Amino acid sequence: MSKIRIINYSKTIKKKSILKSINYTFESGNIYGLFGRNGSGKTMILRAIAGLIYPNEGHIEIDDKVLHKDIDFPPEIGVIIENTELLPQYSGYKNLKILANINKKVSDEEILTTLQQVGLSPYINLKVKEYSLGMKQRLSIAQAIFEKPRILLLDEPTNALDEESITSVRNLLLELKNQGCTILIASHNKEDLNILSDKIVKIVDGAIE
């Protein structure tokens, strides 16, 4: 369970104000939908929480620890932001196995279970370069959730998915929420957000309305 506090956070890139004096608290065990037009700042908020950008003003606290001061990155985090790095020469299973070897927290059986949850069980030995766009998206989701993160940041997670896969992903996210995960979903798909979100946070021109 993780609590995220954004405090007076502003970010400027090339003299353009990207995020403007953002203050918000994300509580554990909730799904938050970040809604806004393309370029509104949704993805930049996810990047800020993930520790991928530095603020010009303000800061972010993860469980009362200041990001970029007390910690470099949020612990136990799963992320899909823009294009997830997948190794095309390896199978989906091998991609997750390589990642699992870093933290050594997840068993081979748990990897297989996650692939089953996202509907990739029939393709565990198929190389990623032979995947469809929807299969790559499902593997990205598996990559984000397979270590059972306490924080999950998802940018347009249902892109390229068919209706059956969308339903499966929604059920997975609701299950993770019930386990206490703090989940942020950035999307312009209001149906996704209405179904999943406990709270919808509207982003306009880099600010929370």
N, C-alpha and C. Protein backbone atom coordinates (compact mmCIF):
# COMPACT_ATOMS: atom_id res chain seq x y z
N MET A 1 0.85 -1.20 0.00
CA MET A 1 0.00 0.00 0.00
C MET A 1 0.88 1.24 0.00
N SER A 2 0.63 2.15 -0.94
CA SER A 2 1.46 3.34 -1.05
C SER A 2 0.61 4.59 -1.26
N LYS A 3 1.03 5.65 -0.59
CA LYS A 3 0.38 6.94 -0.71
C LYS A 3 1.32 7.88 -1.47
N ILE A 4 0.75 8.60 -2.45
CA ILE A 4 1.54 9.51 -3.28
C ILE A 4 1.02 10.93 -3.05
N ARG A 5 1.93 11.84 -2.68
CA ARG A 5 1.55 13.25 -2.52
C ARG A 5 2.36 14.09 -3.49
N ILE A 6 1.65 14.85 -4.32
CA ILE A 6 2.29 15.82 -5.22
C ILE A 6 2.09 17.20 -4.60
N ILE A 7 3.20 17.89 -4.37
CA ILE A 7 3.14 19.14 -3.61
C ILE A 7 3.75 20.28 -4.42
N ASN A 8 2.90 21.22 -4.82
CA ASN A 8 3.33 22.44 -5.55
C ASN A 8 4.27 22.12 -6.71
N TYR A 9 3.94 21.07 -7.46
CA TYR A 9 4.85 20.55 -8.48
C TYR A 9 4.68 21.30 -9.81
N SER A 10 5.79 21.86 -10.30
CA SER A 10 5.79 22.52 -11.61
C SER A 10 6.97 22.02 -12.43
N LYS A 11 6.77 21.92 -13.73
CA LYS A 11 7.82 21.48 -14.63
C LYS A 11 7.78 22.30 -15.91
N THR A 12 8.94 22.84 -16.29
CA THR A 12 9.08 23.60 -17.52
C THR A 12 10.10 22.92 -18.42
N ILE A 13 9.77 22.75 -19.69
CA ILE A 13 10.68 22.17 -20.67
C ILE A 13 10.78 23.12 -21.85
N LYS A 14 12.00 23.53 -22.16
CA LYS A 14 12.24 24.47 -23.28
C LYS A 14 11.36 25.71 -23.16
N LYS A 15 11.33 26.25 -21.95
CA LYS A 15 10.60 27.48 -21.64
C LYS A 15 9.08 27.33 -21.73
N LYS A 16 8.62 26.07 -21.90
CA LYS A 16 7.19 25.82 -21.93
C LYS A 16 6.75 25.18 -20.62
N SER A 17 5.70 25.72 -20.01
CA SER A 17 5.20 25.18 -18.75
C SER A 17 4.39 23.91 -19.02
N ILE A 18 4.91 22.76 -18.57
CA ILE A 18 4.28 21.47 -18.83
C ILE A 18 3.35 21.07 -17.71
N LEU A 19 3.80 21.25 -16.47
CA LEU A 19 2.96 21.00 -15.28
C LEU A 19 2.97 22.25 -14.42
N LYS A 20 1.81 22.63 -13.90
CA LYS A 20 1.67 23.92 -13.24
C LYS A 20 1.14 23.78 -11.82
N SER A 21 2.00 23.95 -10.85
CA SER A 21 1.62 24.02 -9.43
C SER A 21 0.60 22.95 -9.05
N ILE A 22 0.97 21.70 -9.28
CA ILE A 22 0.05 20.60 -9.02
C ILE A 22 0.12 20.18 -7.56
N ASN A 23 -1.04 20.06 -6.95
CA ASN A 23 -1.17 19.54 -5.59
C ASN A 23 -2.24 18.46 -5.60
N TYR A 24 -1.87 17.26 -5.21
CA TYR A 24 -2.86 16.18 -5.19
C TYR A 24 -2.31 15.02 -4.36
N THR A 25 -3.22 14.28 -3.72
CA THR A 25 -2.84 13.10 -2.95
C THR A 25 -3.57 11.88 -3.51
N PHE A 26 -2.80 10.85 -3.84
CA PHE A 26 -3.35 9.59 -4.33
C PHE A 26 -3.23 8.55 -3.21
N GLU A 27 -4.37 8.05 -2.77
CA GLU A 27 -4.41 7.11 -1.65
C GLU A 27 -4.33 5.67 -2.16
N SER A 28 -3.78 4.79 -1.33
CA SER A 28 -3.66 3.38 -1.70
C SER A 28 -5.04 2.73 -1.77
N GLY A 29 -5.12 1.67 -2.59
CA GLY A 29 -6.37 0.94 -2.73
C GLY A 29 -7.41 1.66 -3.56
N ASN A 30 -6.95 2.61 -4.39
CA ASN A 30 -7.86 3.34 -5.27
C ASN A 30 -7.32 3.36 -6.70
N ILE A 31 -8.23 3.46 -7.64
CA ILE A 31 -7.87 3.68 -9.04
C ILE A 31 -8.24 5.11 -9.40
N TYR A 32 -7.26 5.85 -9.89
CA TYR A 32 -7.46 7.24 -10.30
C TYR A 32 -7.35 7.33 -11.81
N GLY A 33 -8.34 7.92 -12.43
CA GLY A 33 -8.32 8.14 -13.87
C GLY A 33 -7.87 9.55 -14.18
N LEU A 34 -6.76 9.67 -14.90
CA LEU A 34 -6.30 10.99 -15.34
C LEU A 34 -6.88 11.23 -16.73
N PHE A 35 -7.78 12.18 -16.82
CA PHE A 35 -8.50 12.41 -18.07
C PHE A 35 -8.13 13.77 -18.64
N GLY A 36 -7.89 13.79 -19.94
CA GLY A 36 -7.58 15.05 -20.60
C GLY A 36 -7.20 14.82 -22.05
N ARG A 37 -7.14 15.90 -22.80
CA ARG A 37 -6.78 15.81 -24.21
C ARG A 37 -5.31 15.43 -24.35
N ASN A 38 -4.92 14.98 -25.54
CA ASN A 38 -3.51 14.74 -25.82
C ASN A 38 -2.73 16.02 -25.60
N GLY A 39 -1.61 15.89 -24.87
CA GLY A 39 -0.78 17.06 -24.59
C GLY A 39 -1.22 17.84 -23.37
N SER A 40 -2.22 17.35 -22.65
CA SER A 40 -2.72 18.09 -21.48
C SER A 40 -1.81 17.97 -20.26
N GLY A 41 -0.95 16.93 -20.25
CA GLY A 41 -0.05 16.74 -19.11
C GLY A 41 -0.24 15.43 -18.38
N LYS A 42 -1.17 14.59 -18.85
CA LYS A 42 -1.44 13.31 -18.17
C LYS A 42 -0.18 12.45 -18.08
N THR A 43 0.47 12.26 -19.21
CA THR A 43 1.66 11.39 -19.24
C THR A 43 2.80 12.00 -18.43
N MET A 44 2.92 13.32 -18.43
CA MET A 44 3.99 13.97 -17.68
C MET A 44 3.80 13.77 -16.17
N ILE A 45 2.55 13.72 -15.71
CA ILE A 45 2.31 13.45 -14.29
C ILE A 45 2.79 12.03 -13.95
N LEU A 46 2.50 11.08 -14.83
CA LEU A 46 2.99 9.72 -14.60
C LEU A 46 4.51 9.68 -14.59
N ARG A 47 5.12 10.37 -15.53
CA ARG A 47 6.60 10.41 -15.59
C ARG A 47 7.18 11.05 -14.33
N ALA A 48 6.51 12.06 -13.83
CA ALA A 48 6.98 12.73 -12.60
C ALA A 48 6.93 11.77 -11.42
N ILE A 49 5.81 11.05 -11.27
CA ILE A 49 5.67 10.11 -10.15
C ILE A 49 6.66 8.96 -10.26
N ALA A 50 6.94 8.54 -11.49
CA ALA A 50 7.90 7.45 -11.71
C ALA A 50 9.34 7.89 -11.47
N GLY A 51 9.55 9.18 -11.28
CA GLY A 51 10.91 9.68 -11.05
C GLY A 51 11.70 9.90 -12.31
N LEU A 52 11.02 9.97 -13.45
CA LEU A 52 11.70 10.08 -14.74
C LEU A 52 11.99 11.53 -15.14
N ILE A 53 11.36 12.49 -14.46
CA ILE A 53 11.66 13.89 -14.68
C ILE A 53 11.85 14.57 -13.32
N TYR A 54 12.53 15.70 -13.34
CA TYR A 54 12.78 16.46 -12.11
C TYR A 54 11.95 17.75 -12.14
N PRO A 55 11.41 18.15 -10.99
CA PRO A 55 10.60 19.37 -10.98
C PRO A 55 11.45 20.63 -11.00
N ASN A 56 10.89 21.71 -11.53
CA ASN A 56 11.49 23.03 -11.36
C ASN A 56 11.10 23.62 -10.02
N GLU A 57 9.92 23.25 -9.56
CA GLU A 57 9.46 23.66 -8.23
C GLU A 57 8.66 22.51 -7.63
N GLY A 58 8.60 22.48 -6.29
CA GLY A 58 7.81 21.48 -5.59
C GLY A 58 8.48 20.11 -5.55
N HIS A 59 7.72 19.11 -5.07
CA HIS A 59 8.27 17.76 -4.97
C HIS A 59 7.14 16.74 -4.86
N ILE A 60 7.55 15.48 -4.90
CA ILE A 60 6.61 14.37 -4.75
C ILE A 60 7.06 13.51 -3.58
N GLU A 61 6.10 13.08 -2.75
CA GLU A 61 6.39 12.19 -1.63
C GLU A 61 5.72 10.84 -1.87
N ILE A 62 6.50 9.79 -1.68
CA ILE A 62 5.98 8.42 -1.74
C ILE A 62 6.08 7.85 -0.33
N ASP A 63 4.95 7.65 0.32
CA ASP A 63 4.96 7.19 1.71
C ASP A 63 5.87 8.04 2.58
N ASP A 64 5.72 9.36 2.44
CA ASP A 64 6.45 10.37 3.23
C ASP A 64 7.94 10.45 2.90
N LYS A 65 8.39 9.76 1.87
CA LYS A 65 9.78 9.89 1.42
C LYS A 65 9.82 10.75 0.16
N VAL A 66 10.71 11.73 0.15
CA VAL A 66 10.75 12.69 -0.94
C VAL A 66 11.50 12.09 -2.13
N LEU A 67 10.82 12.09 -3.26
CA LEU A 67 11.41 11.57 -4.49
C LEU A 67 12.56 12.47 -4.93
N HIS A 68 13.67 11.84 -5.36
CA HIS A 68 14.91 12.48 -5.78
C HIS A 68 15.71 13.04 -4.60
N LYS A 69 15.22 12.83 -3.37
CA LYS A 69 15.98 13.22 -2.19
C LYS A 69 16.19 12.02 -1.29
N ASP A 70 15.10 11.48 -0.77
CA ASP A 70 15.19 10.28 0.08
C ASP A 70 15.26 9.00 -0.76
N ILE A 71 14.61 9.01 -1.90
CA ILE A 71 14.60 7.84 -2.81
C ILE A 71 14.78 8.33 -4.24
N ASP A 72 15.42 7.51 -5.08
CA ASP A 72 15.60 7.87 -6.49
C ASP A 72 14.36 7.56 -7.31
N PHE A 73 13.74 6.41 -6.99
CA PHE A 73 12.54 5.97 -7.71
C PHE A 73 11.58 5.37 -6.69
N PRO A 74 10.29 5.40 -6.98
CA PRO A 74 9.34 4.74 -6.07
C PRO A 74 9.62 3.24 -6.01
N PRO A 75 9.62 2.65 -4.82
CA PRO A 75 9.80 1.20 -4.71
C PRO A 75 8.56 0.46 -5.17
N GLU A 76 8.76 -0.75 -5.67
CA GLU A 76 7.66 -1.64 -6.04
C GLU A 76 6.65 -0.95 -6.95
N ILE A 77 7.14 -0.51 -8.10
CA ILE A 77 6.31 0.22 -9.05
C ILE A 77 6.23 -0.55 -10.37
N GLY A 78 5.06 -0.52 -10.99
CA GLY A 78 4.88 -1.05 -12.33
C GLY A 78 4.45 0.08 -13.24
N VAL A 79 5.03 0.12 -14.46
CA VAL A 79 4.83 1.29 -15.32
C VAL A 79 4.59 0.88 -16.77
N ILE A 80 3.60 1.51 -17.39
CA ILE A 80 3.49 1.54 -18.85
C ILE A 80 3.39 3.01 -19.23
N ILE A 81 4.47 3.55 -19.76
CA ILE A 81 4.47 4.93 -20.21
C ILE A 81 5.03 4.96 -21.62
N GLU A 82 4.18 5.41 -22.57
CA GLU A 82 4.57 5.46 -23.97
C GLU A 82 5.02 4.07 -24.42
N ASN A 83 6.13 3.96 -25.12
CA ASN A 83 6.52 2.66 -25.67
C ASN A 83 7.35 1.87 -24.67
N THR A 84 6.77 0.79 -24.15
CA THR A 84 7.50 -0.08 -23.22
C THR A 84 8.59 -0.82 -23.99
N GLU A 85 9.77 -0.90 -23.39
CA GLU A 85 10.89 -1.58 -24.04
C GLU A 85 10.71 -3.09 -23.96
N LEU A 86 10.50 -3.72 -25.10
CA LEU A 86 10.42 -5.18 -25.20
C LEU A 86 11.55 -5.66 -26.07
N LEU A 87 12.08 -6.84 -25.76
CA LEU A 87 13.19 -7.40 -26.53
C LEU A 87 12.61 -8.30 -27.62
N PRO A 88 12.62 -7.84 -28.88
CA PRO A 88 11.90 -8.55 -29.94
C PRO A 88 12.46 -9.93 -30.28
N GLN A 89 13.74 -10.15 -29.97
CA GLN A 89 14.37 -11.43 -30.33
C GLN A 89 14.03 -12.56 -29.37
N TYR A 90 13.37 -12.21 -28.24
CA TYR A 90 13.01 -13.21 -27.24
C TYR A 90 11.50 -13.38 -27.15
N SER A 91 11.08 -14.49 -26.56
CA SER A 91 9.65 -14.72 -26.33
C SER A 91 9.15 -13.81 -25.21
N GLY A 92 7.83 -13.76 -25.08
CA GLY A 92 7.25 -13.00 -23.98
C GLY A 92 7.70 -13.54 -22.63
N TYR A 93 7.73 -14.85 -22.52
CA TYR A 93 8.18 -15.48 -21.26
C TYR A 93 9.62 -15.07 -20.96
N LYS A 94 10.49 -15.13 -21.97
CA LYS A 94 11.91 -14.81 -21.76
C LYS A 94 12.08 -13.34 -21.36
N ASN A 95 11.26 -12.45 -21.96
CA ASN A 95 11.31 -11.04 -21.58
C ASN A 95 11.05 -10.87 -20.08
N LEU A 96 9.99 -11.53 -19.58
CA LEU A 96 9.67 -11.41 -18.16
C LEU A 96 10.71 -12.10 -17.29
N LYS A 97 11.26 -13.21 -17.77
CA LYS A 97 12.27 -13.94 -17.01
C LYS A 97 13.53 -13.09 -16.82
N ILE A 98 13.92 -12.36 -17.87
CA ILE A 98 15.10 -11.48 -17.77
C ILE A 98 14.86 -10.41 -16.71
N LEU A 99 13.67 -9.83 -16.72
CA LEU A 99 13.34 -8.81 -15.70
C LEU A 99 13.27 -9.42 -14.31
N ALA A 100 12.70 -10.62 -14.21
CA ALA A 100 12.56 -11.28 -12.91
C ALA A 100 13.91 -11.57 -12.28
N ASN A 101 14.92 -11.79 -13.10
CA ASN A 101 16.26 -12.09 -12.58
C ASN A 101 16.92 -10.90 -11.89
N ILE A 102 16.39 -9.69 -12.14
CA ILE A 102 16.96 -8.50 -11.51
C ILE A 102 16.65 -8.47 -10.02
N ASN A 103 15.36 -8.60 -9.69
CA ASN A 103 14.94 -8.52 -8.28
C ASN A 103 14.79 -9.87 -7.60
N LYS A 104 14.69 -10.92 -8.41
CA LYS A 104 14.57 -12.29 -7.89
C LYS A 104 13.44 -12.43 -6.88
N LYS A 105 12.29 -11.83 -7.21
CA LYS A 105 11.13 -11.91 -6.32
C LYS A 105 10.04 -12.81 -6.87
N VAL A 106 10.13 -13.14 -8.16
CA VAL A 106 9.03 -13.81 -8.84
C VAL A 106 9.50 -15.16 -9.38
N SER A 107 8.70 -16.18 -9.14
CA SER A 107 9.04 -17.53 -9.60
C SER A 107 8.62 -17.72 -11.06
N ASP A 108 9.15 -18.77 -11.68
CA ASP A 108 8.75 -19.10 -13.06
C ASP A 108 7.24 -19.35 -13.13
N GLU A 109 6.71 -19.99 -12.10
CA GLU A 109 5.28 -20.28 -12.06
C GLU A 109 4.46 -18.99 -12.04
N GLU A 110 4.92 -17.99 -11.30
CA GLU A 110 4.22 -16.71 -11.22
C GLU A 110 4.28 -15.97 -12.56
N ILE A 111 5.39 -16.11 -13.28
CA ILE A 111 5.49 -15.52 -14.62
C ILE A 111 4.45 -16.15 -15.54
N LEU A 112 4.37 -17.47 -15.50
CA LEU A 112 3.40 -18.18 -16.35
C LEU A 112 1.97 -17.79 -15.99
N THR A 113 1.71 -17.63 -14.70
CA THR A 113 0.37 -17.23 -14.26
C THR A 113 0.01 -15.85 -14.80
N THR A 114 0.97 -14.92 -14.76
CA THR A 114 0.72 -13.57 -15.27
C THR A 114 0.45 -13.59 -16.77
N LEU A 115 1.22 -14.39 -17.51
CA LEU A 115 0.99 -14.50 -18.95
C LEU A 115 -0.40 -15.07 -19.24
N GLN A 116 -0.82 -15.99 -18.39
CA GLN A 116 -2.17 -16.55 -18.53
C GLN A 116 -3.22 -15.47 -18.26
N GLN A 117 -2.98 -14.65 -17.25
CA GLN A 117 -3.94 -13.61 -16.89
C GLN A 117 -4.16 -12.61 -18.03
N VAL A 118 -3.11 -12.35 -18.81
CA VAL A 118 -3.25 -11.38 -19.92
C VAL A 118 -3.53 -12.07 -21.25
N GLY A 119 -3.76 -13.38 -21.21
CA GLY A 119 -4.16 -14.11 -22.41
C GLY A 119 -3.03 -14.48 -23.34
N LEU A 120 -1.80 -14.60 -22.82
CA LEU A 120 -0.66 -14.92 -23.67
C LEU A 120 -0.13 -16.33 -23.46
N SER A 121 -0.84 -17.15 -22.69
CA SER A 121 -0.39 -18.53 -22.45
C SER A 121 -0.11 -19.32 -23.73
N PRO A 122 -0.96 -19.20 -24.76
CA PRO A 122 -0.69 -19.99 -25.97
C PRO A 122 0.55 -19.55 -26.74
N TYR A 123 1.13 -18.42 -26.35
CA TYR A 123 2.22 -17.83 -27.15
C TYR A 123 3.51 -17.66 -26.35
N ILE A 124 3.69 -18.43 -25.28
CA ILE A 124 4.83 -18.17 -24.40
C ILE A 124 6.17 -18.37 -25.09
N ASN A 125 6.21 -19.18 -26.15
CA ASN A 125 7.48 -19.41 -26.84
C ASN A 125 7.60 -18.62 -28.14
N LEU A 126 6.57 -17.84 -28.46
CA LEU A 126 6.60 -17.03 -29.68
C LEU A 126 7.44 -15.78 -29.44
N LYS A 127 8.33 -15.47 -30.39
CA LYS A 127 9.18 -14.28 -30.23
C LYS A 127 8.34 -13.01 -30.36
N VAL A 128 8.72 -12.01 -29.59
CA VAL A 128 7.95 -10.77 -29.54
C VAL A 128 7.88 -10.10 -30.92
N LYS A 129 8.92 -10.27 -31.74
CA LYS A 129 8.90 -9.65 -33.07
C LYS A 129 7.78 -10.20 -33.94
N GLU A 130 7.21 -11.34 -33.55
CA GLU A 130 6.08 -11.92 -34.28
C GLU A 130 4.73 -11.59 -33.65
N TYR A 131 4.75 -10.81 -32.59
CA TYR A 131 3.52 -10.43 -31.90
C TYR A 131 2.74 -9.39 -32.71
N SER A 132 1.41 -9.41 -32.55
CA SER A 132 0.57 -8.32 -33.04
C SER A 132 0.69 -7.14 -32.06
N LEU A 133 0.14 -5.99 -32.45
CA LEU A 133 0.15 -4.82 -31.56
C LEU A 133 -0.58 -5.12 -30.25
N GLY A 134 -1.72 -5.81 -30.36
CA GLY A 134 -2.48 -6.14 -29.16
C GLY A 134 -1.71 -7.07 -28.23
N MET A 135 -0.98 -8.04 -28.80
CA MET A 135 -0.18 -8.96 -27.99
C MET A 135 0.96 -8.22 -27.29
N LYS A 136 1.57 -7.27 -28.00
CA LYS A 136 2.64 -6.47 -27.38
C LYS A 136 2.09 -5.66 -26.21
N GLN A 137 0.89 -5.13 -26.39
CA GLN A 137 0.27 -4.36 -25.30
C GLN A 137 -0.01 -5.25 -24.10
N ARG A 138 -0.50 -6.46 -24.36
CA ARG A 138 -0.77 -7.39 -23.25
C ARG A 138 0.52 -7.77 -22.53
N LEU A 139 1.61 -7.92 -23.29
CA LEU A 139 2.90 -8.23 -22.65
C LEU A 139 3.39 -7.04 -21.83
N SER A 140 3.16 -5.84 -22.32
CA SER A 140 3.52 -4.64 -21.55
C SER A 140 2.78 -4.60 -20.22
N ILE A 141 1.50 -4.97 -20.26
CA ILE A 141 0.71 -5.01 -19.03
C ILE A 141 1.26 -6.09 -18.10
N ALA A 142 1.58 -7.27 -18.66
CA ALA A 142 2.17 -8.33 -17.84
C ALA A 142 3.47 -7.86 -17.20
N GLN A 143 4.28 -7.14 -17.96
CA GLN A 143 5.55 -6.63 -17.46
C GLN A 143 5.34 -5.66 -16.30
N ALA A 144 4.25 -4.88 -16.38
CA ALA A 144 3.97 -3.89 -15.33
C ALA A 144 3.47 -4.53 -14.04
N ILE A 145 2.74 -5.66 -14.16
CA ILE A 145 2.06 -6.20 -12.97
C ILE A 145 2.69 -7.45 -12.39
N PHE A 146 3.63 -8.09 -13.11
CA PHE A 146 4.01 -9.46 -12.70
C PHE A 146 4.75 -9.52 -11.37
N GLU A 147 5.34 -8.42 -10.92
CA GLU A 147 6.00 -8.41 -9.61
C GLU A 147 5.10 -7.87 -8.50
N LYS A 148 3.81 -7.79 -8.81
CA LYS A 148 2.81 -7.35 -7.82
C LYS A 148 3.18 -6.00 -7.20
N PRO A 149 3.21 -4.96 -8.01
CA PRO A 149 3.64 -3.64 -7.52
C PRO A 149 2.64 -3.02 -6.55
N ARG A 150 3.14 -2.09 -5.75
CA ARG A 150 2.27 -1.33 -4.85
C ARG A 150 1.76 -0.06 -5.52
N ILE A 151 2.48 0.38 -6.58
CA ILE A 151 2.08 1.53 -7.37
C ILE A 151 2.07 1.09 -8.83
N LEU A 152 1.00 1.44 -9.54
CA LEU A 152 0.88 1.07 -10.94
C LEU A 152 0.50 2.31 -11.74
N LEU A 153 1.36 2.66 -12.70
CA LEU A 153 1.15 3.83 -13.54
C LEU A 153 0.94 3.37 -14.98
N LEU A 154 -0.23 3.64 -15.53
CA LEU A 154 -0.59 3.10 -16.84
C LEU A 154 -1.02 4.20 -17.79
N ASP A 155 -0.33 4.30 -18.91
CA ASP A 155 -0.66 5.29 -19.93
C ASP A 155 -1.38 4.58 -21.08
N GLU A 156 -2.66 4.87 -21.26
CA GLU A 156 -3.48 4.26 -22.31
C GLU A 156 -3.34 2.73 -22.34
N PRO A 157 -3.65 2.05 -21.24
CA PRO A 157 -3.36 0.61 -21.14
C PRO A 157 -4.18 -0.28 -22.06
N THR A 158 -5.34 0.20 -22.54
CA THR A 158 -6.18 -0.68 -23.37
C THR A 158 -6.03 -0.39 -24.86
N ASN A 159 -5.06 0.44 -25.22
CA ASN A 159 -4.80 0.68 -26.65
C ASN A 159 -4.53 -0.62 -27.37
N ALA A 160 -5.11 -0.80 -28.54
CA ALA A 160 -4.86 -1.94 -29.43
C ALA A 160 -5.43 -3.26 -28.91
N LEU A 161 -6.20 -3.24 -27.83
CA LEU A 161 -6.76 -4.47 -27.28
C LEU A 161 -8.17 -4.72 -27.82
N ASP A 162 -8.51 -6.00 -28.01
CA ASP A 162 -9.88 -6.35 -28.39
C ASP A 162 -10.76 -6.34 -27.14
N GLU A 163 -12.07 -6.49 -27.35
CA GLU A 163 -13.02 -6.37 -26.23
C GLU A 163 -12.76 -7.39 -25.13
N GLU A 164 -12.44 -8.63 -25.53
CA GLU A 164 -12.18 -9.66 -24.53
C GLU A 164 -10.97 -9.32 -23.68
N SER A 165 -9.90 -8.83 -24.34
CA SER A 165 -8.69 -8.47 -23.61
C SER A 165 -8.92 -7.27 -22.70
N ILE A 166 -9.72 -6.31 -23.17
CA ILE A 166 -10.04 -5.14 -22.35
C ILE A 166 -10.75 -5.56 -21.07
N THR A 167 -11.71 -6.47 -21.20
CA THR A 167 -12.42 -6.96 -20.02
C THR A 167 -11.47 -7.66 -19.05
N SER A 168 -10.57 -8.47 -19.58
CA SER A 168 -9.59 -9.18 -18.73
C SER A 168 -8.69 -8.21 -17.99
N VAL A 169 -8.22 -7.18 -18.71
CA VAL A 169 -7.33 -6.19 -18.09
C VAL A 169 -8.08 -5.41 -17.01
N ARG A 170 -9.30 -5.03 -17.29
CA ARG A 170 -10.08 -4.31 -16.28
C ARG A 170 -10.25 -5.15 -15.02
N ASN A 171 -10.53 -6.44 -15.18
CA ASN A 171 -10.69 -7.33 -14.02
C ASN A 171 -9.38 -7.45 -13.24
N LEU A 172 -8.27 -7.52 -13.97
CA LEU A 172 -6.96 -7.59 -13.32
C LEU A 172 -6.69 -6.35 -12.48
N LEU A 173 -6.99 -5.19 -13.04
CA LEU A 173 -6.74 -3.94 -12.32
C LEU A 173 -7.61 -3.82 -11.08
N LEU A 174 -8.86 -4.25 -11.18
CA LEU A 174 -9.74 -4.22 -10.01
C LEU A 174 -9.24 -5.17 -8.92
N GLU A 175 -8.69 -6.31 -9.33
CA GLU A 175 -8.12 -7.25 -8.36
C GLU A 175 -6.91 -6.64 -7.66
N LEU A 176 -6.04 -5.97 -8.43
CA LEU A 176 -4.86 -5.32 -7.84
C LEU A 176 -5.28 -4.20 -6.88
N LYS A 177 -6.29 -3.47 -7.27
CA LYS A 177 -6.82 -2.41 -6.39
C LYS A 177 -7.28 -2.99 -5.06
N ASN A 178 -7.99 -4.11 -5.12
CA ASN A 178 -8.49 -4.75 -3.90
C ASN A 178 -7.36 -5.27 -3.02
N GLN A 179 -6.18 -5.46 -3.61
CA GLN A 179 -5.01 -5.89 -2.85
C GLN A 179 -4.24 -4.69 -2.27
N GLY A 180 -4.77 -3.47 -2.50
CA GLY A 180 -4.16 -2.28 -1.92
C GLY A 180 -3.26 -1.49 -2.83
N CYS A 181 -3.20 -1.87 -4.10
CA CYS A 181 -2.35 -1.16 -5.06
C CYS A 181 -2.91 0.23 -5.34
N THR A 182 -2.02 1.21 -5.48
CA THR A 182 -2.40 2.56 -5.90
C THR A 182 -2.23 2.63 -7.41
N ILE A 183 -3.33 2.84 -8.13
CA ILE A 183 -3.30 2.74 -9.58
C ILE A 183 -3.71 4.07 -10.21
N LEU A 184 -2.86 4.55 -11.13
CA LEU A 184 -3.17 5.75 -11.90
C LEU A 184 -3.25 5.36 -13.38
N ILE A 185 -4.35 5.71 -14.02
CA ILE A 185 -4.55 5.41 -15.43
C ILE A 185 -4.73 6.71 -16.19
N ALA A 186 -3.84 7.00 -17.12
CA ALA A 186 -3.99 8.15 -18.00
C ALA A 186 -4.64 7.70 -19.29
N SER A 187 -5.75 8.32 -19.65
CA SER A 187 -6.45 7.87 -20.84
C SER A 187 -7.37 8.98 -21.36
N HIS A 188 -7.62 8.93 -22.68
CA HIS A 188 -8.67 9.79 -23.23
C HIS A 188 -9.93 8.94 -23.49
N ASN A 189 -9.88 7.63 -23.07
CA ASN A 189 -11.02 6.73 -23.21
C ASN A 189 -11.88 6.84 -21.95
N LYS A 190 -12.94 7.62 -22.05
CA LYS A 190 -13.75 7.88 -20.86
C LYS A 190 -14.49 6.63 -20.37
N GLU A 191 -14.77 5.70 -21.28
CA GLU A 191 -15.45 4.47 -20.87
C GLU A 191 -14.58 3.68 -19.91
N ASP A 192 -13.29 3.52 -20.26
CA ASP A 192 -12.35 2.85 -19.37
C ASP A 192 -12.34 3.51 -18.00
N LEU A 193 -12.21 4.82 -18.00
CA LEU A 193 -12.09 5.54 -16.73
C LEU A 193 -13.37 5.47 -15.91
N ASN A 194 -14.51 5.57 -16.57
CA ASN A 194 -15.79 5.51 -15.84
C ASN A 194 -15.99 4.15 -15.19
N ILE A 195 -15.58 3.09 -15.87
CA ILE A 195 -15.75 1.74 -15.35
C ILE A 195 -14.79 1.46 -14.20
N LEU A 196 -13.55 1.92 -14.33
CA LEU A 196 -12.49 1.53 -13.39
C LEU A 196 -12.26 2.49 -12.24
N SER A 197 -12.45 3.78 -12.48
CA SER A 197 -11.91 4.78 -11.55
C SER A 197 -12.78 4.99 -10.32
N ASP A 198 -12.12 5.08 -9.18
CA ASP A 198 -12.77 5.57 -7.98
C ASP A 198 -12.91 7.09 -8.04
N LYS A 199 -11.90 7.73 -8.67
CA LYS A 199 -11.93 9.18 -8.85
C LYS A 199 -11.35 9.51 -10.22
N ILE A 200 -11.98 10.44 -10.91
CA ILE A 200 -11.44 10.93 -12.18
C ILE A 200 -10.84 12.31 -11.94
N VAL A 201 -9.59 12.46 -12.36
CA VAL A 201 -8.85 13.71 -12.16
C VAL A 201 -8.68 14.36 -13.54
N LYS A 202 -9.30 15.50 -13.73
CA LYS A 202 -9.25 16.16 -15.04
C LYS A 202 -8.00 17.03 -15.15
N ILE A 203 -7.26 16.83 -16.23
CA ILE A 203 -6.03 17.58 -16.48
C ILE A 203 -6.26 18.51 -17.67
N VAL A 204 -6.02 19.79 -17.48
CA VAL A 204 -6.17 20.79 -18.55
C VAL A 204 -4.93 21.67 -18.57
N ASP A 205 -4.22 21.68 -19.69
CA ASP A 205 -3.05 22.55 -19.86
C ASP A 205 -2.08 22.45 -18.70
N GLY A 206 -1.78 21.22 -18.28
CA GLY A 206 -0.77 21.01 -17.27
C GLY A 206 -1.20 21.25 -15.84
N ALA A 207 -2.50 21.48 -15.64
CA ALA A 207 -3.00 21.75 -14.28
C ALA A 207 -4.18 20.83 -13.99
N ILE A 208 -4.40 20.55 -12.71
CA ILE A 208 -5.56 19.77 -12.28
C ILE A 208 -6.73 20.71 -12.04
N GLU A 209 -7.85 20.42 -12.70
CA GLU A 209 -9.03 21.26 -12.51
C GLU A 209 -9.86 20.81 -11.31
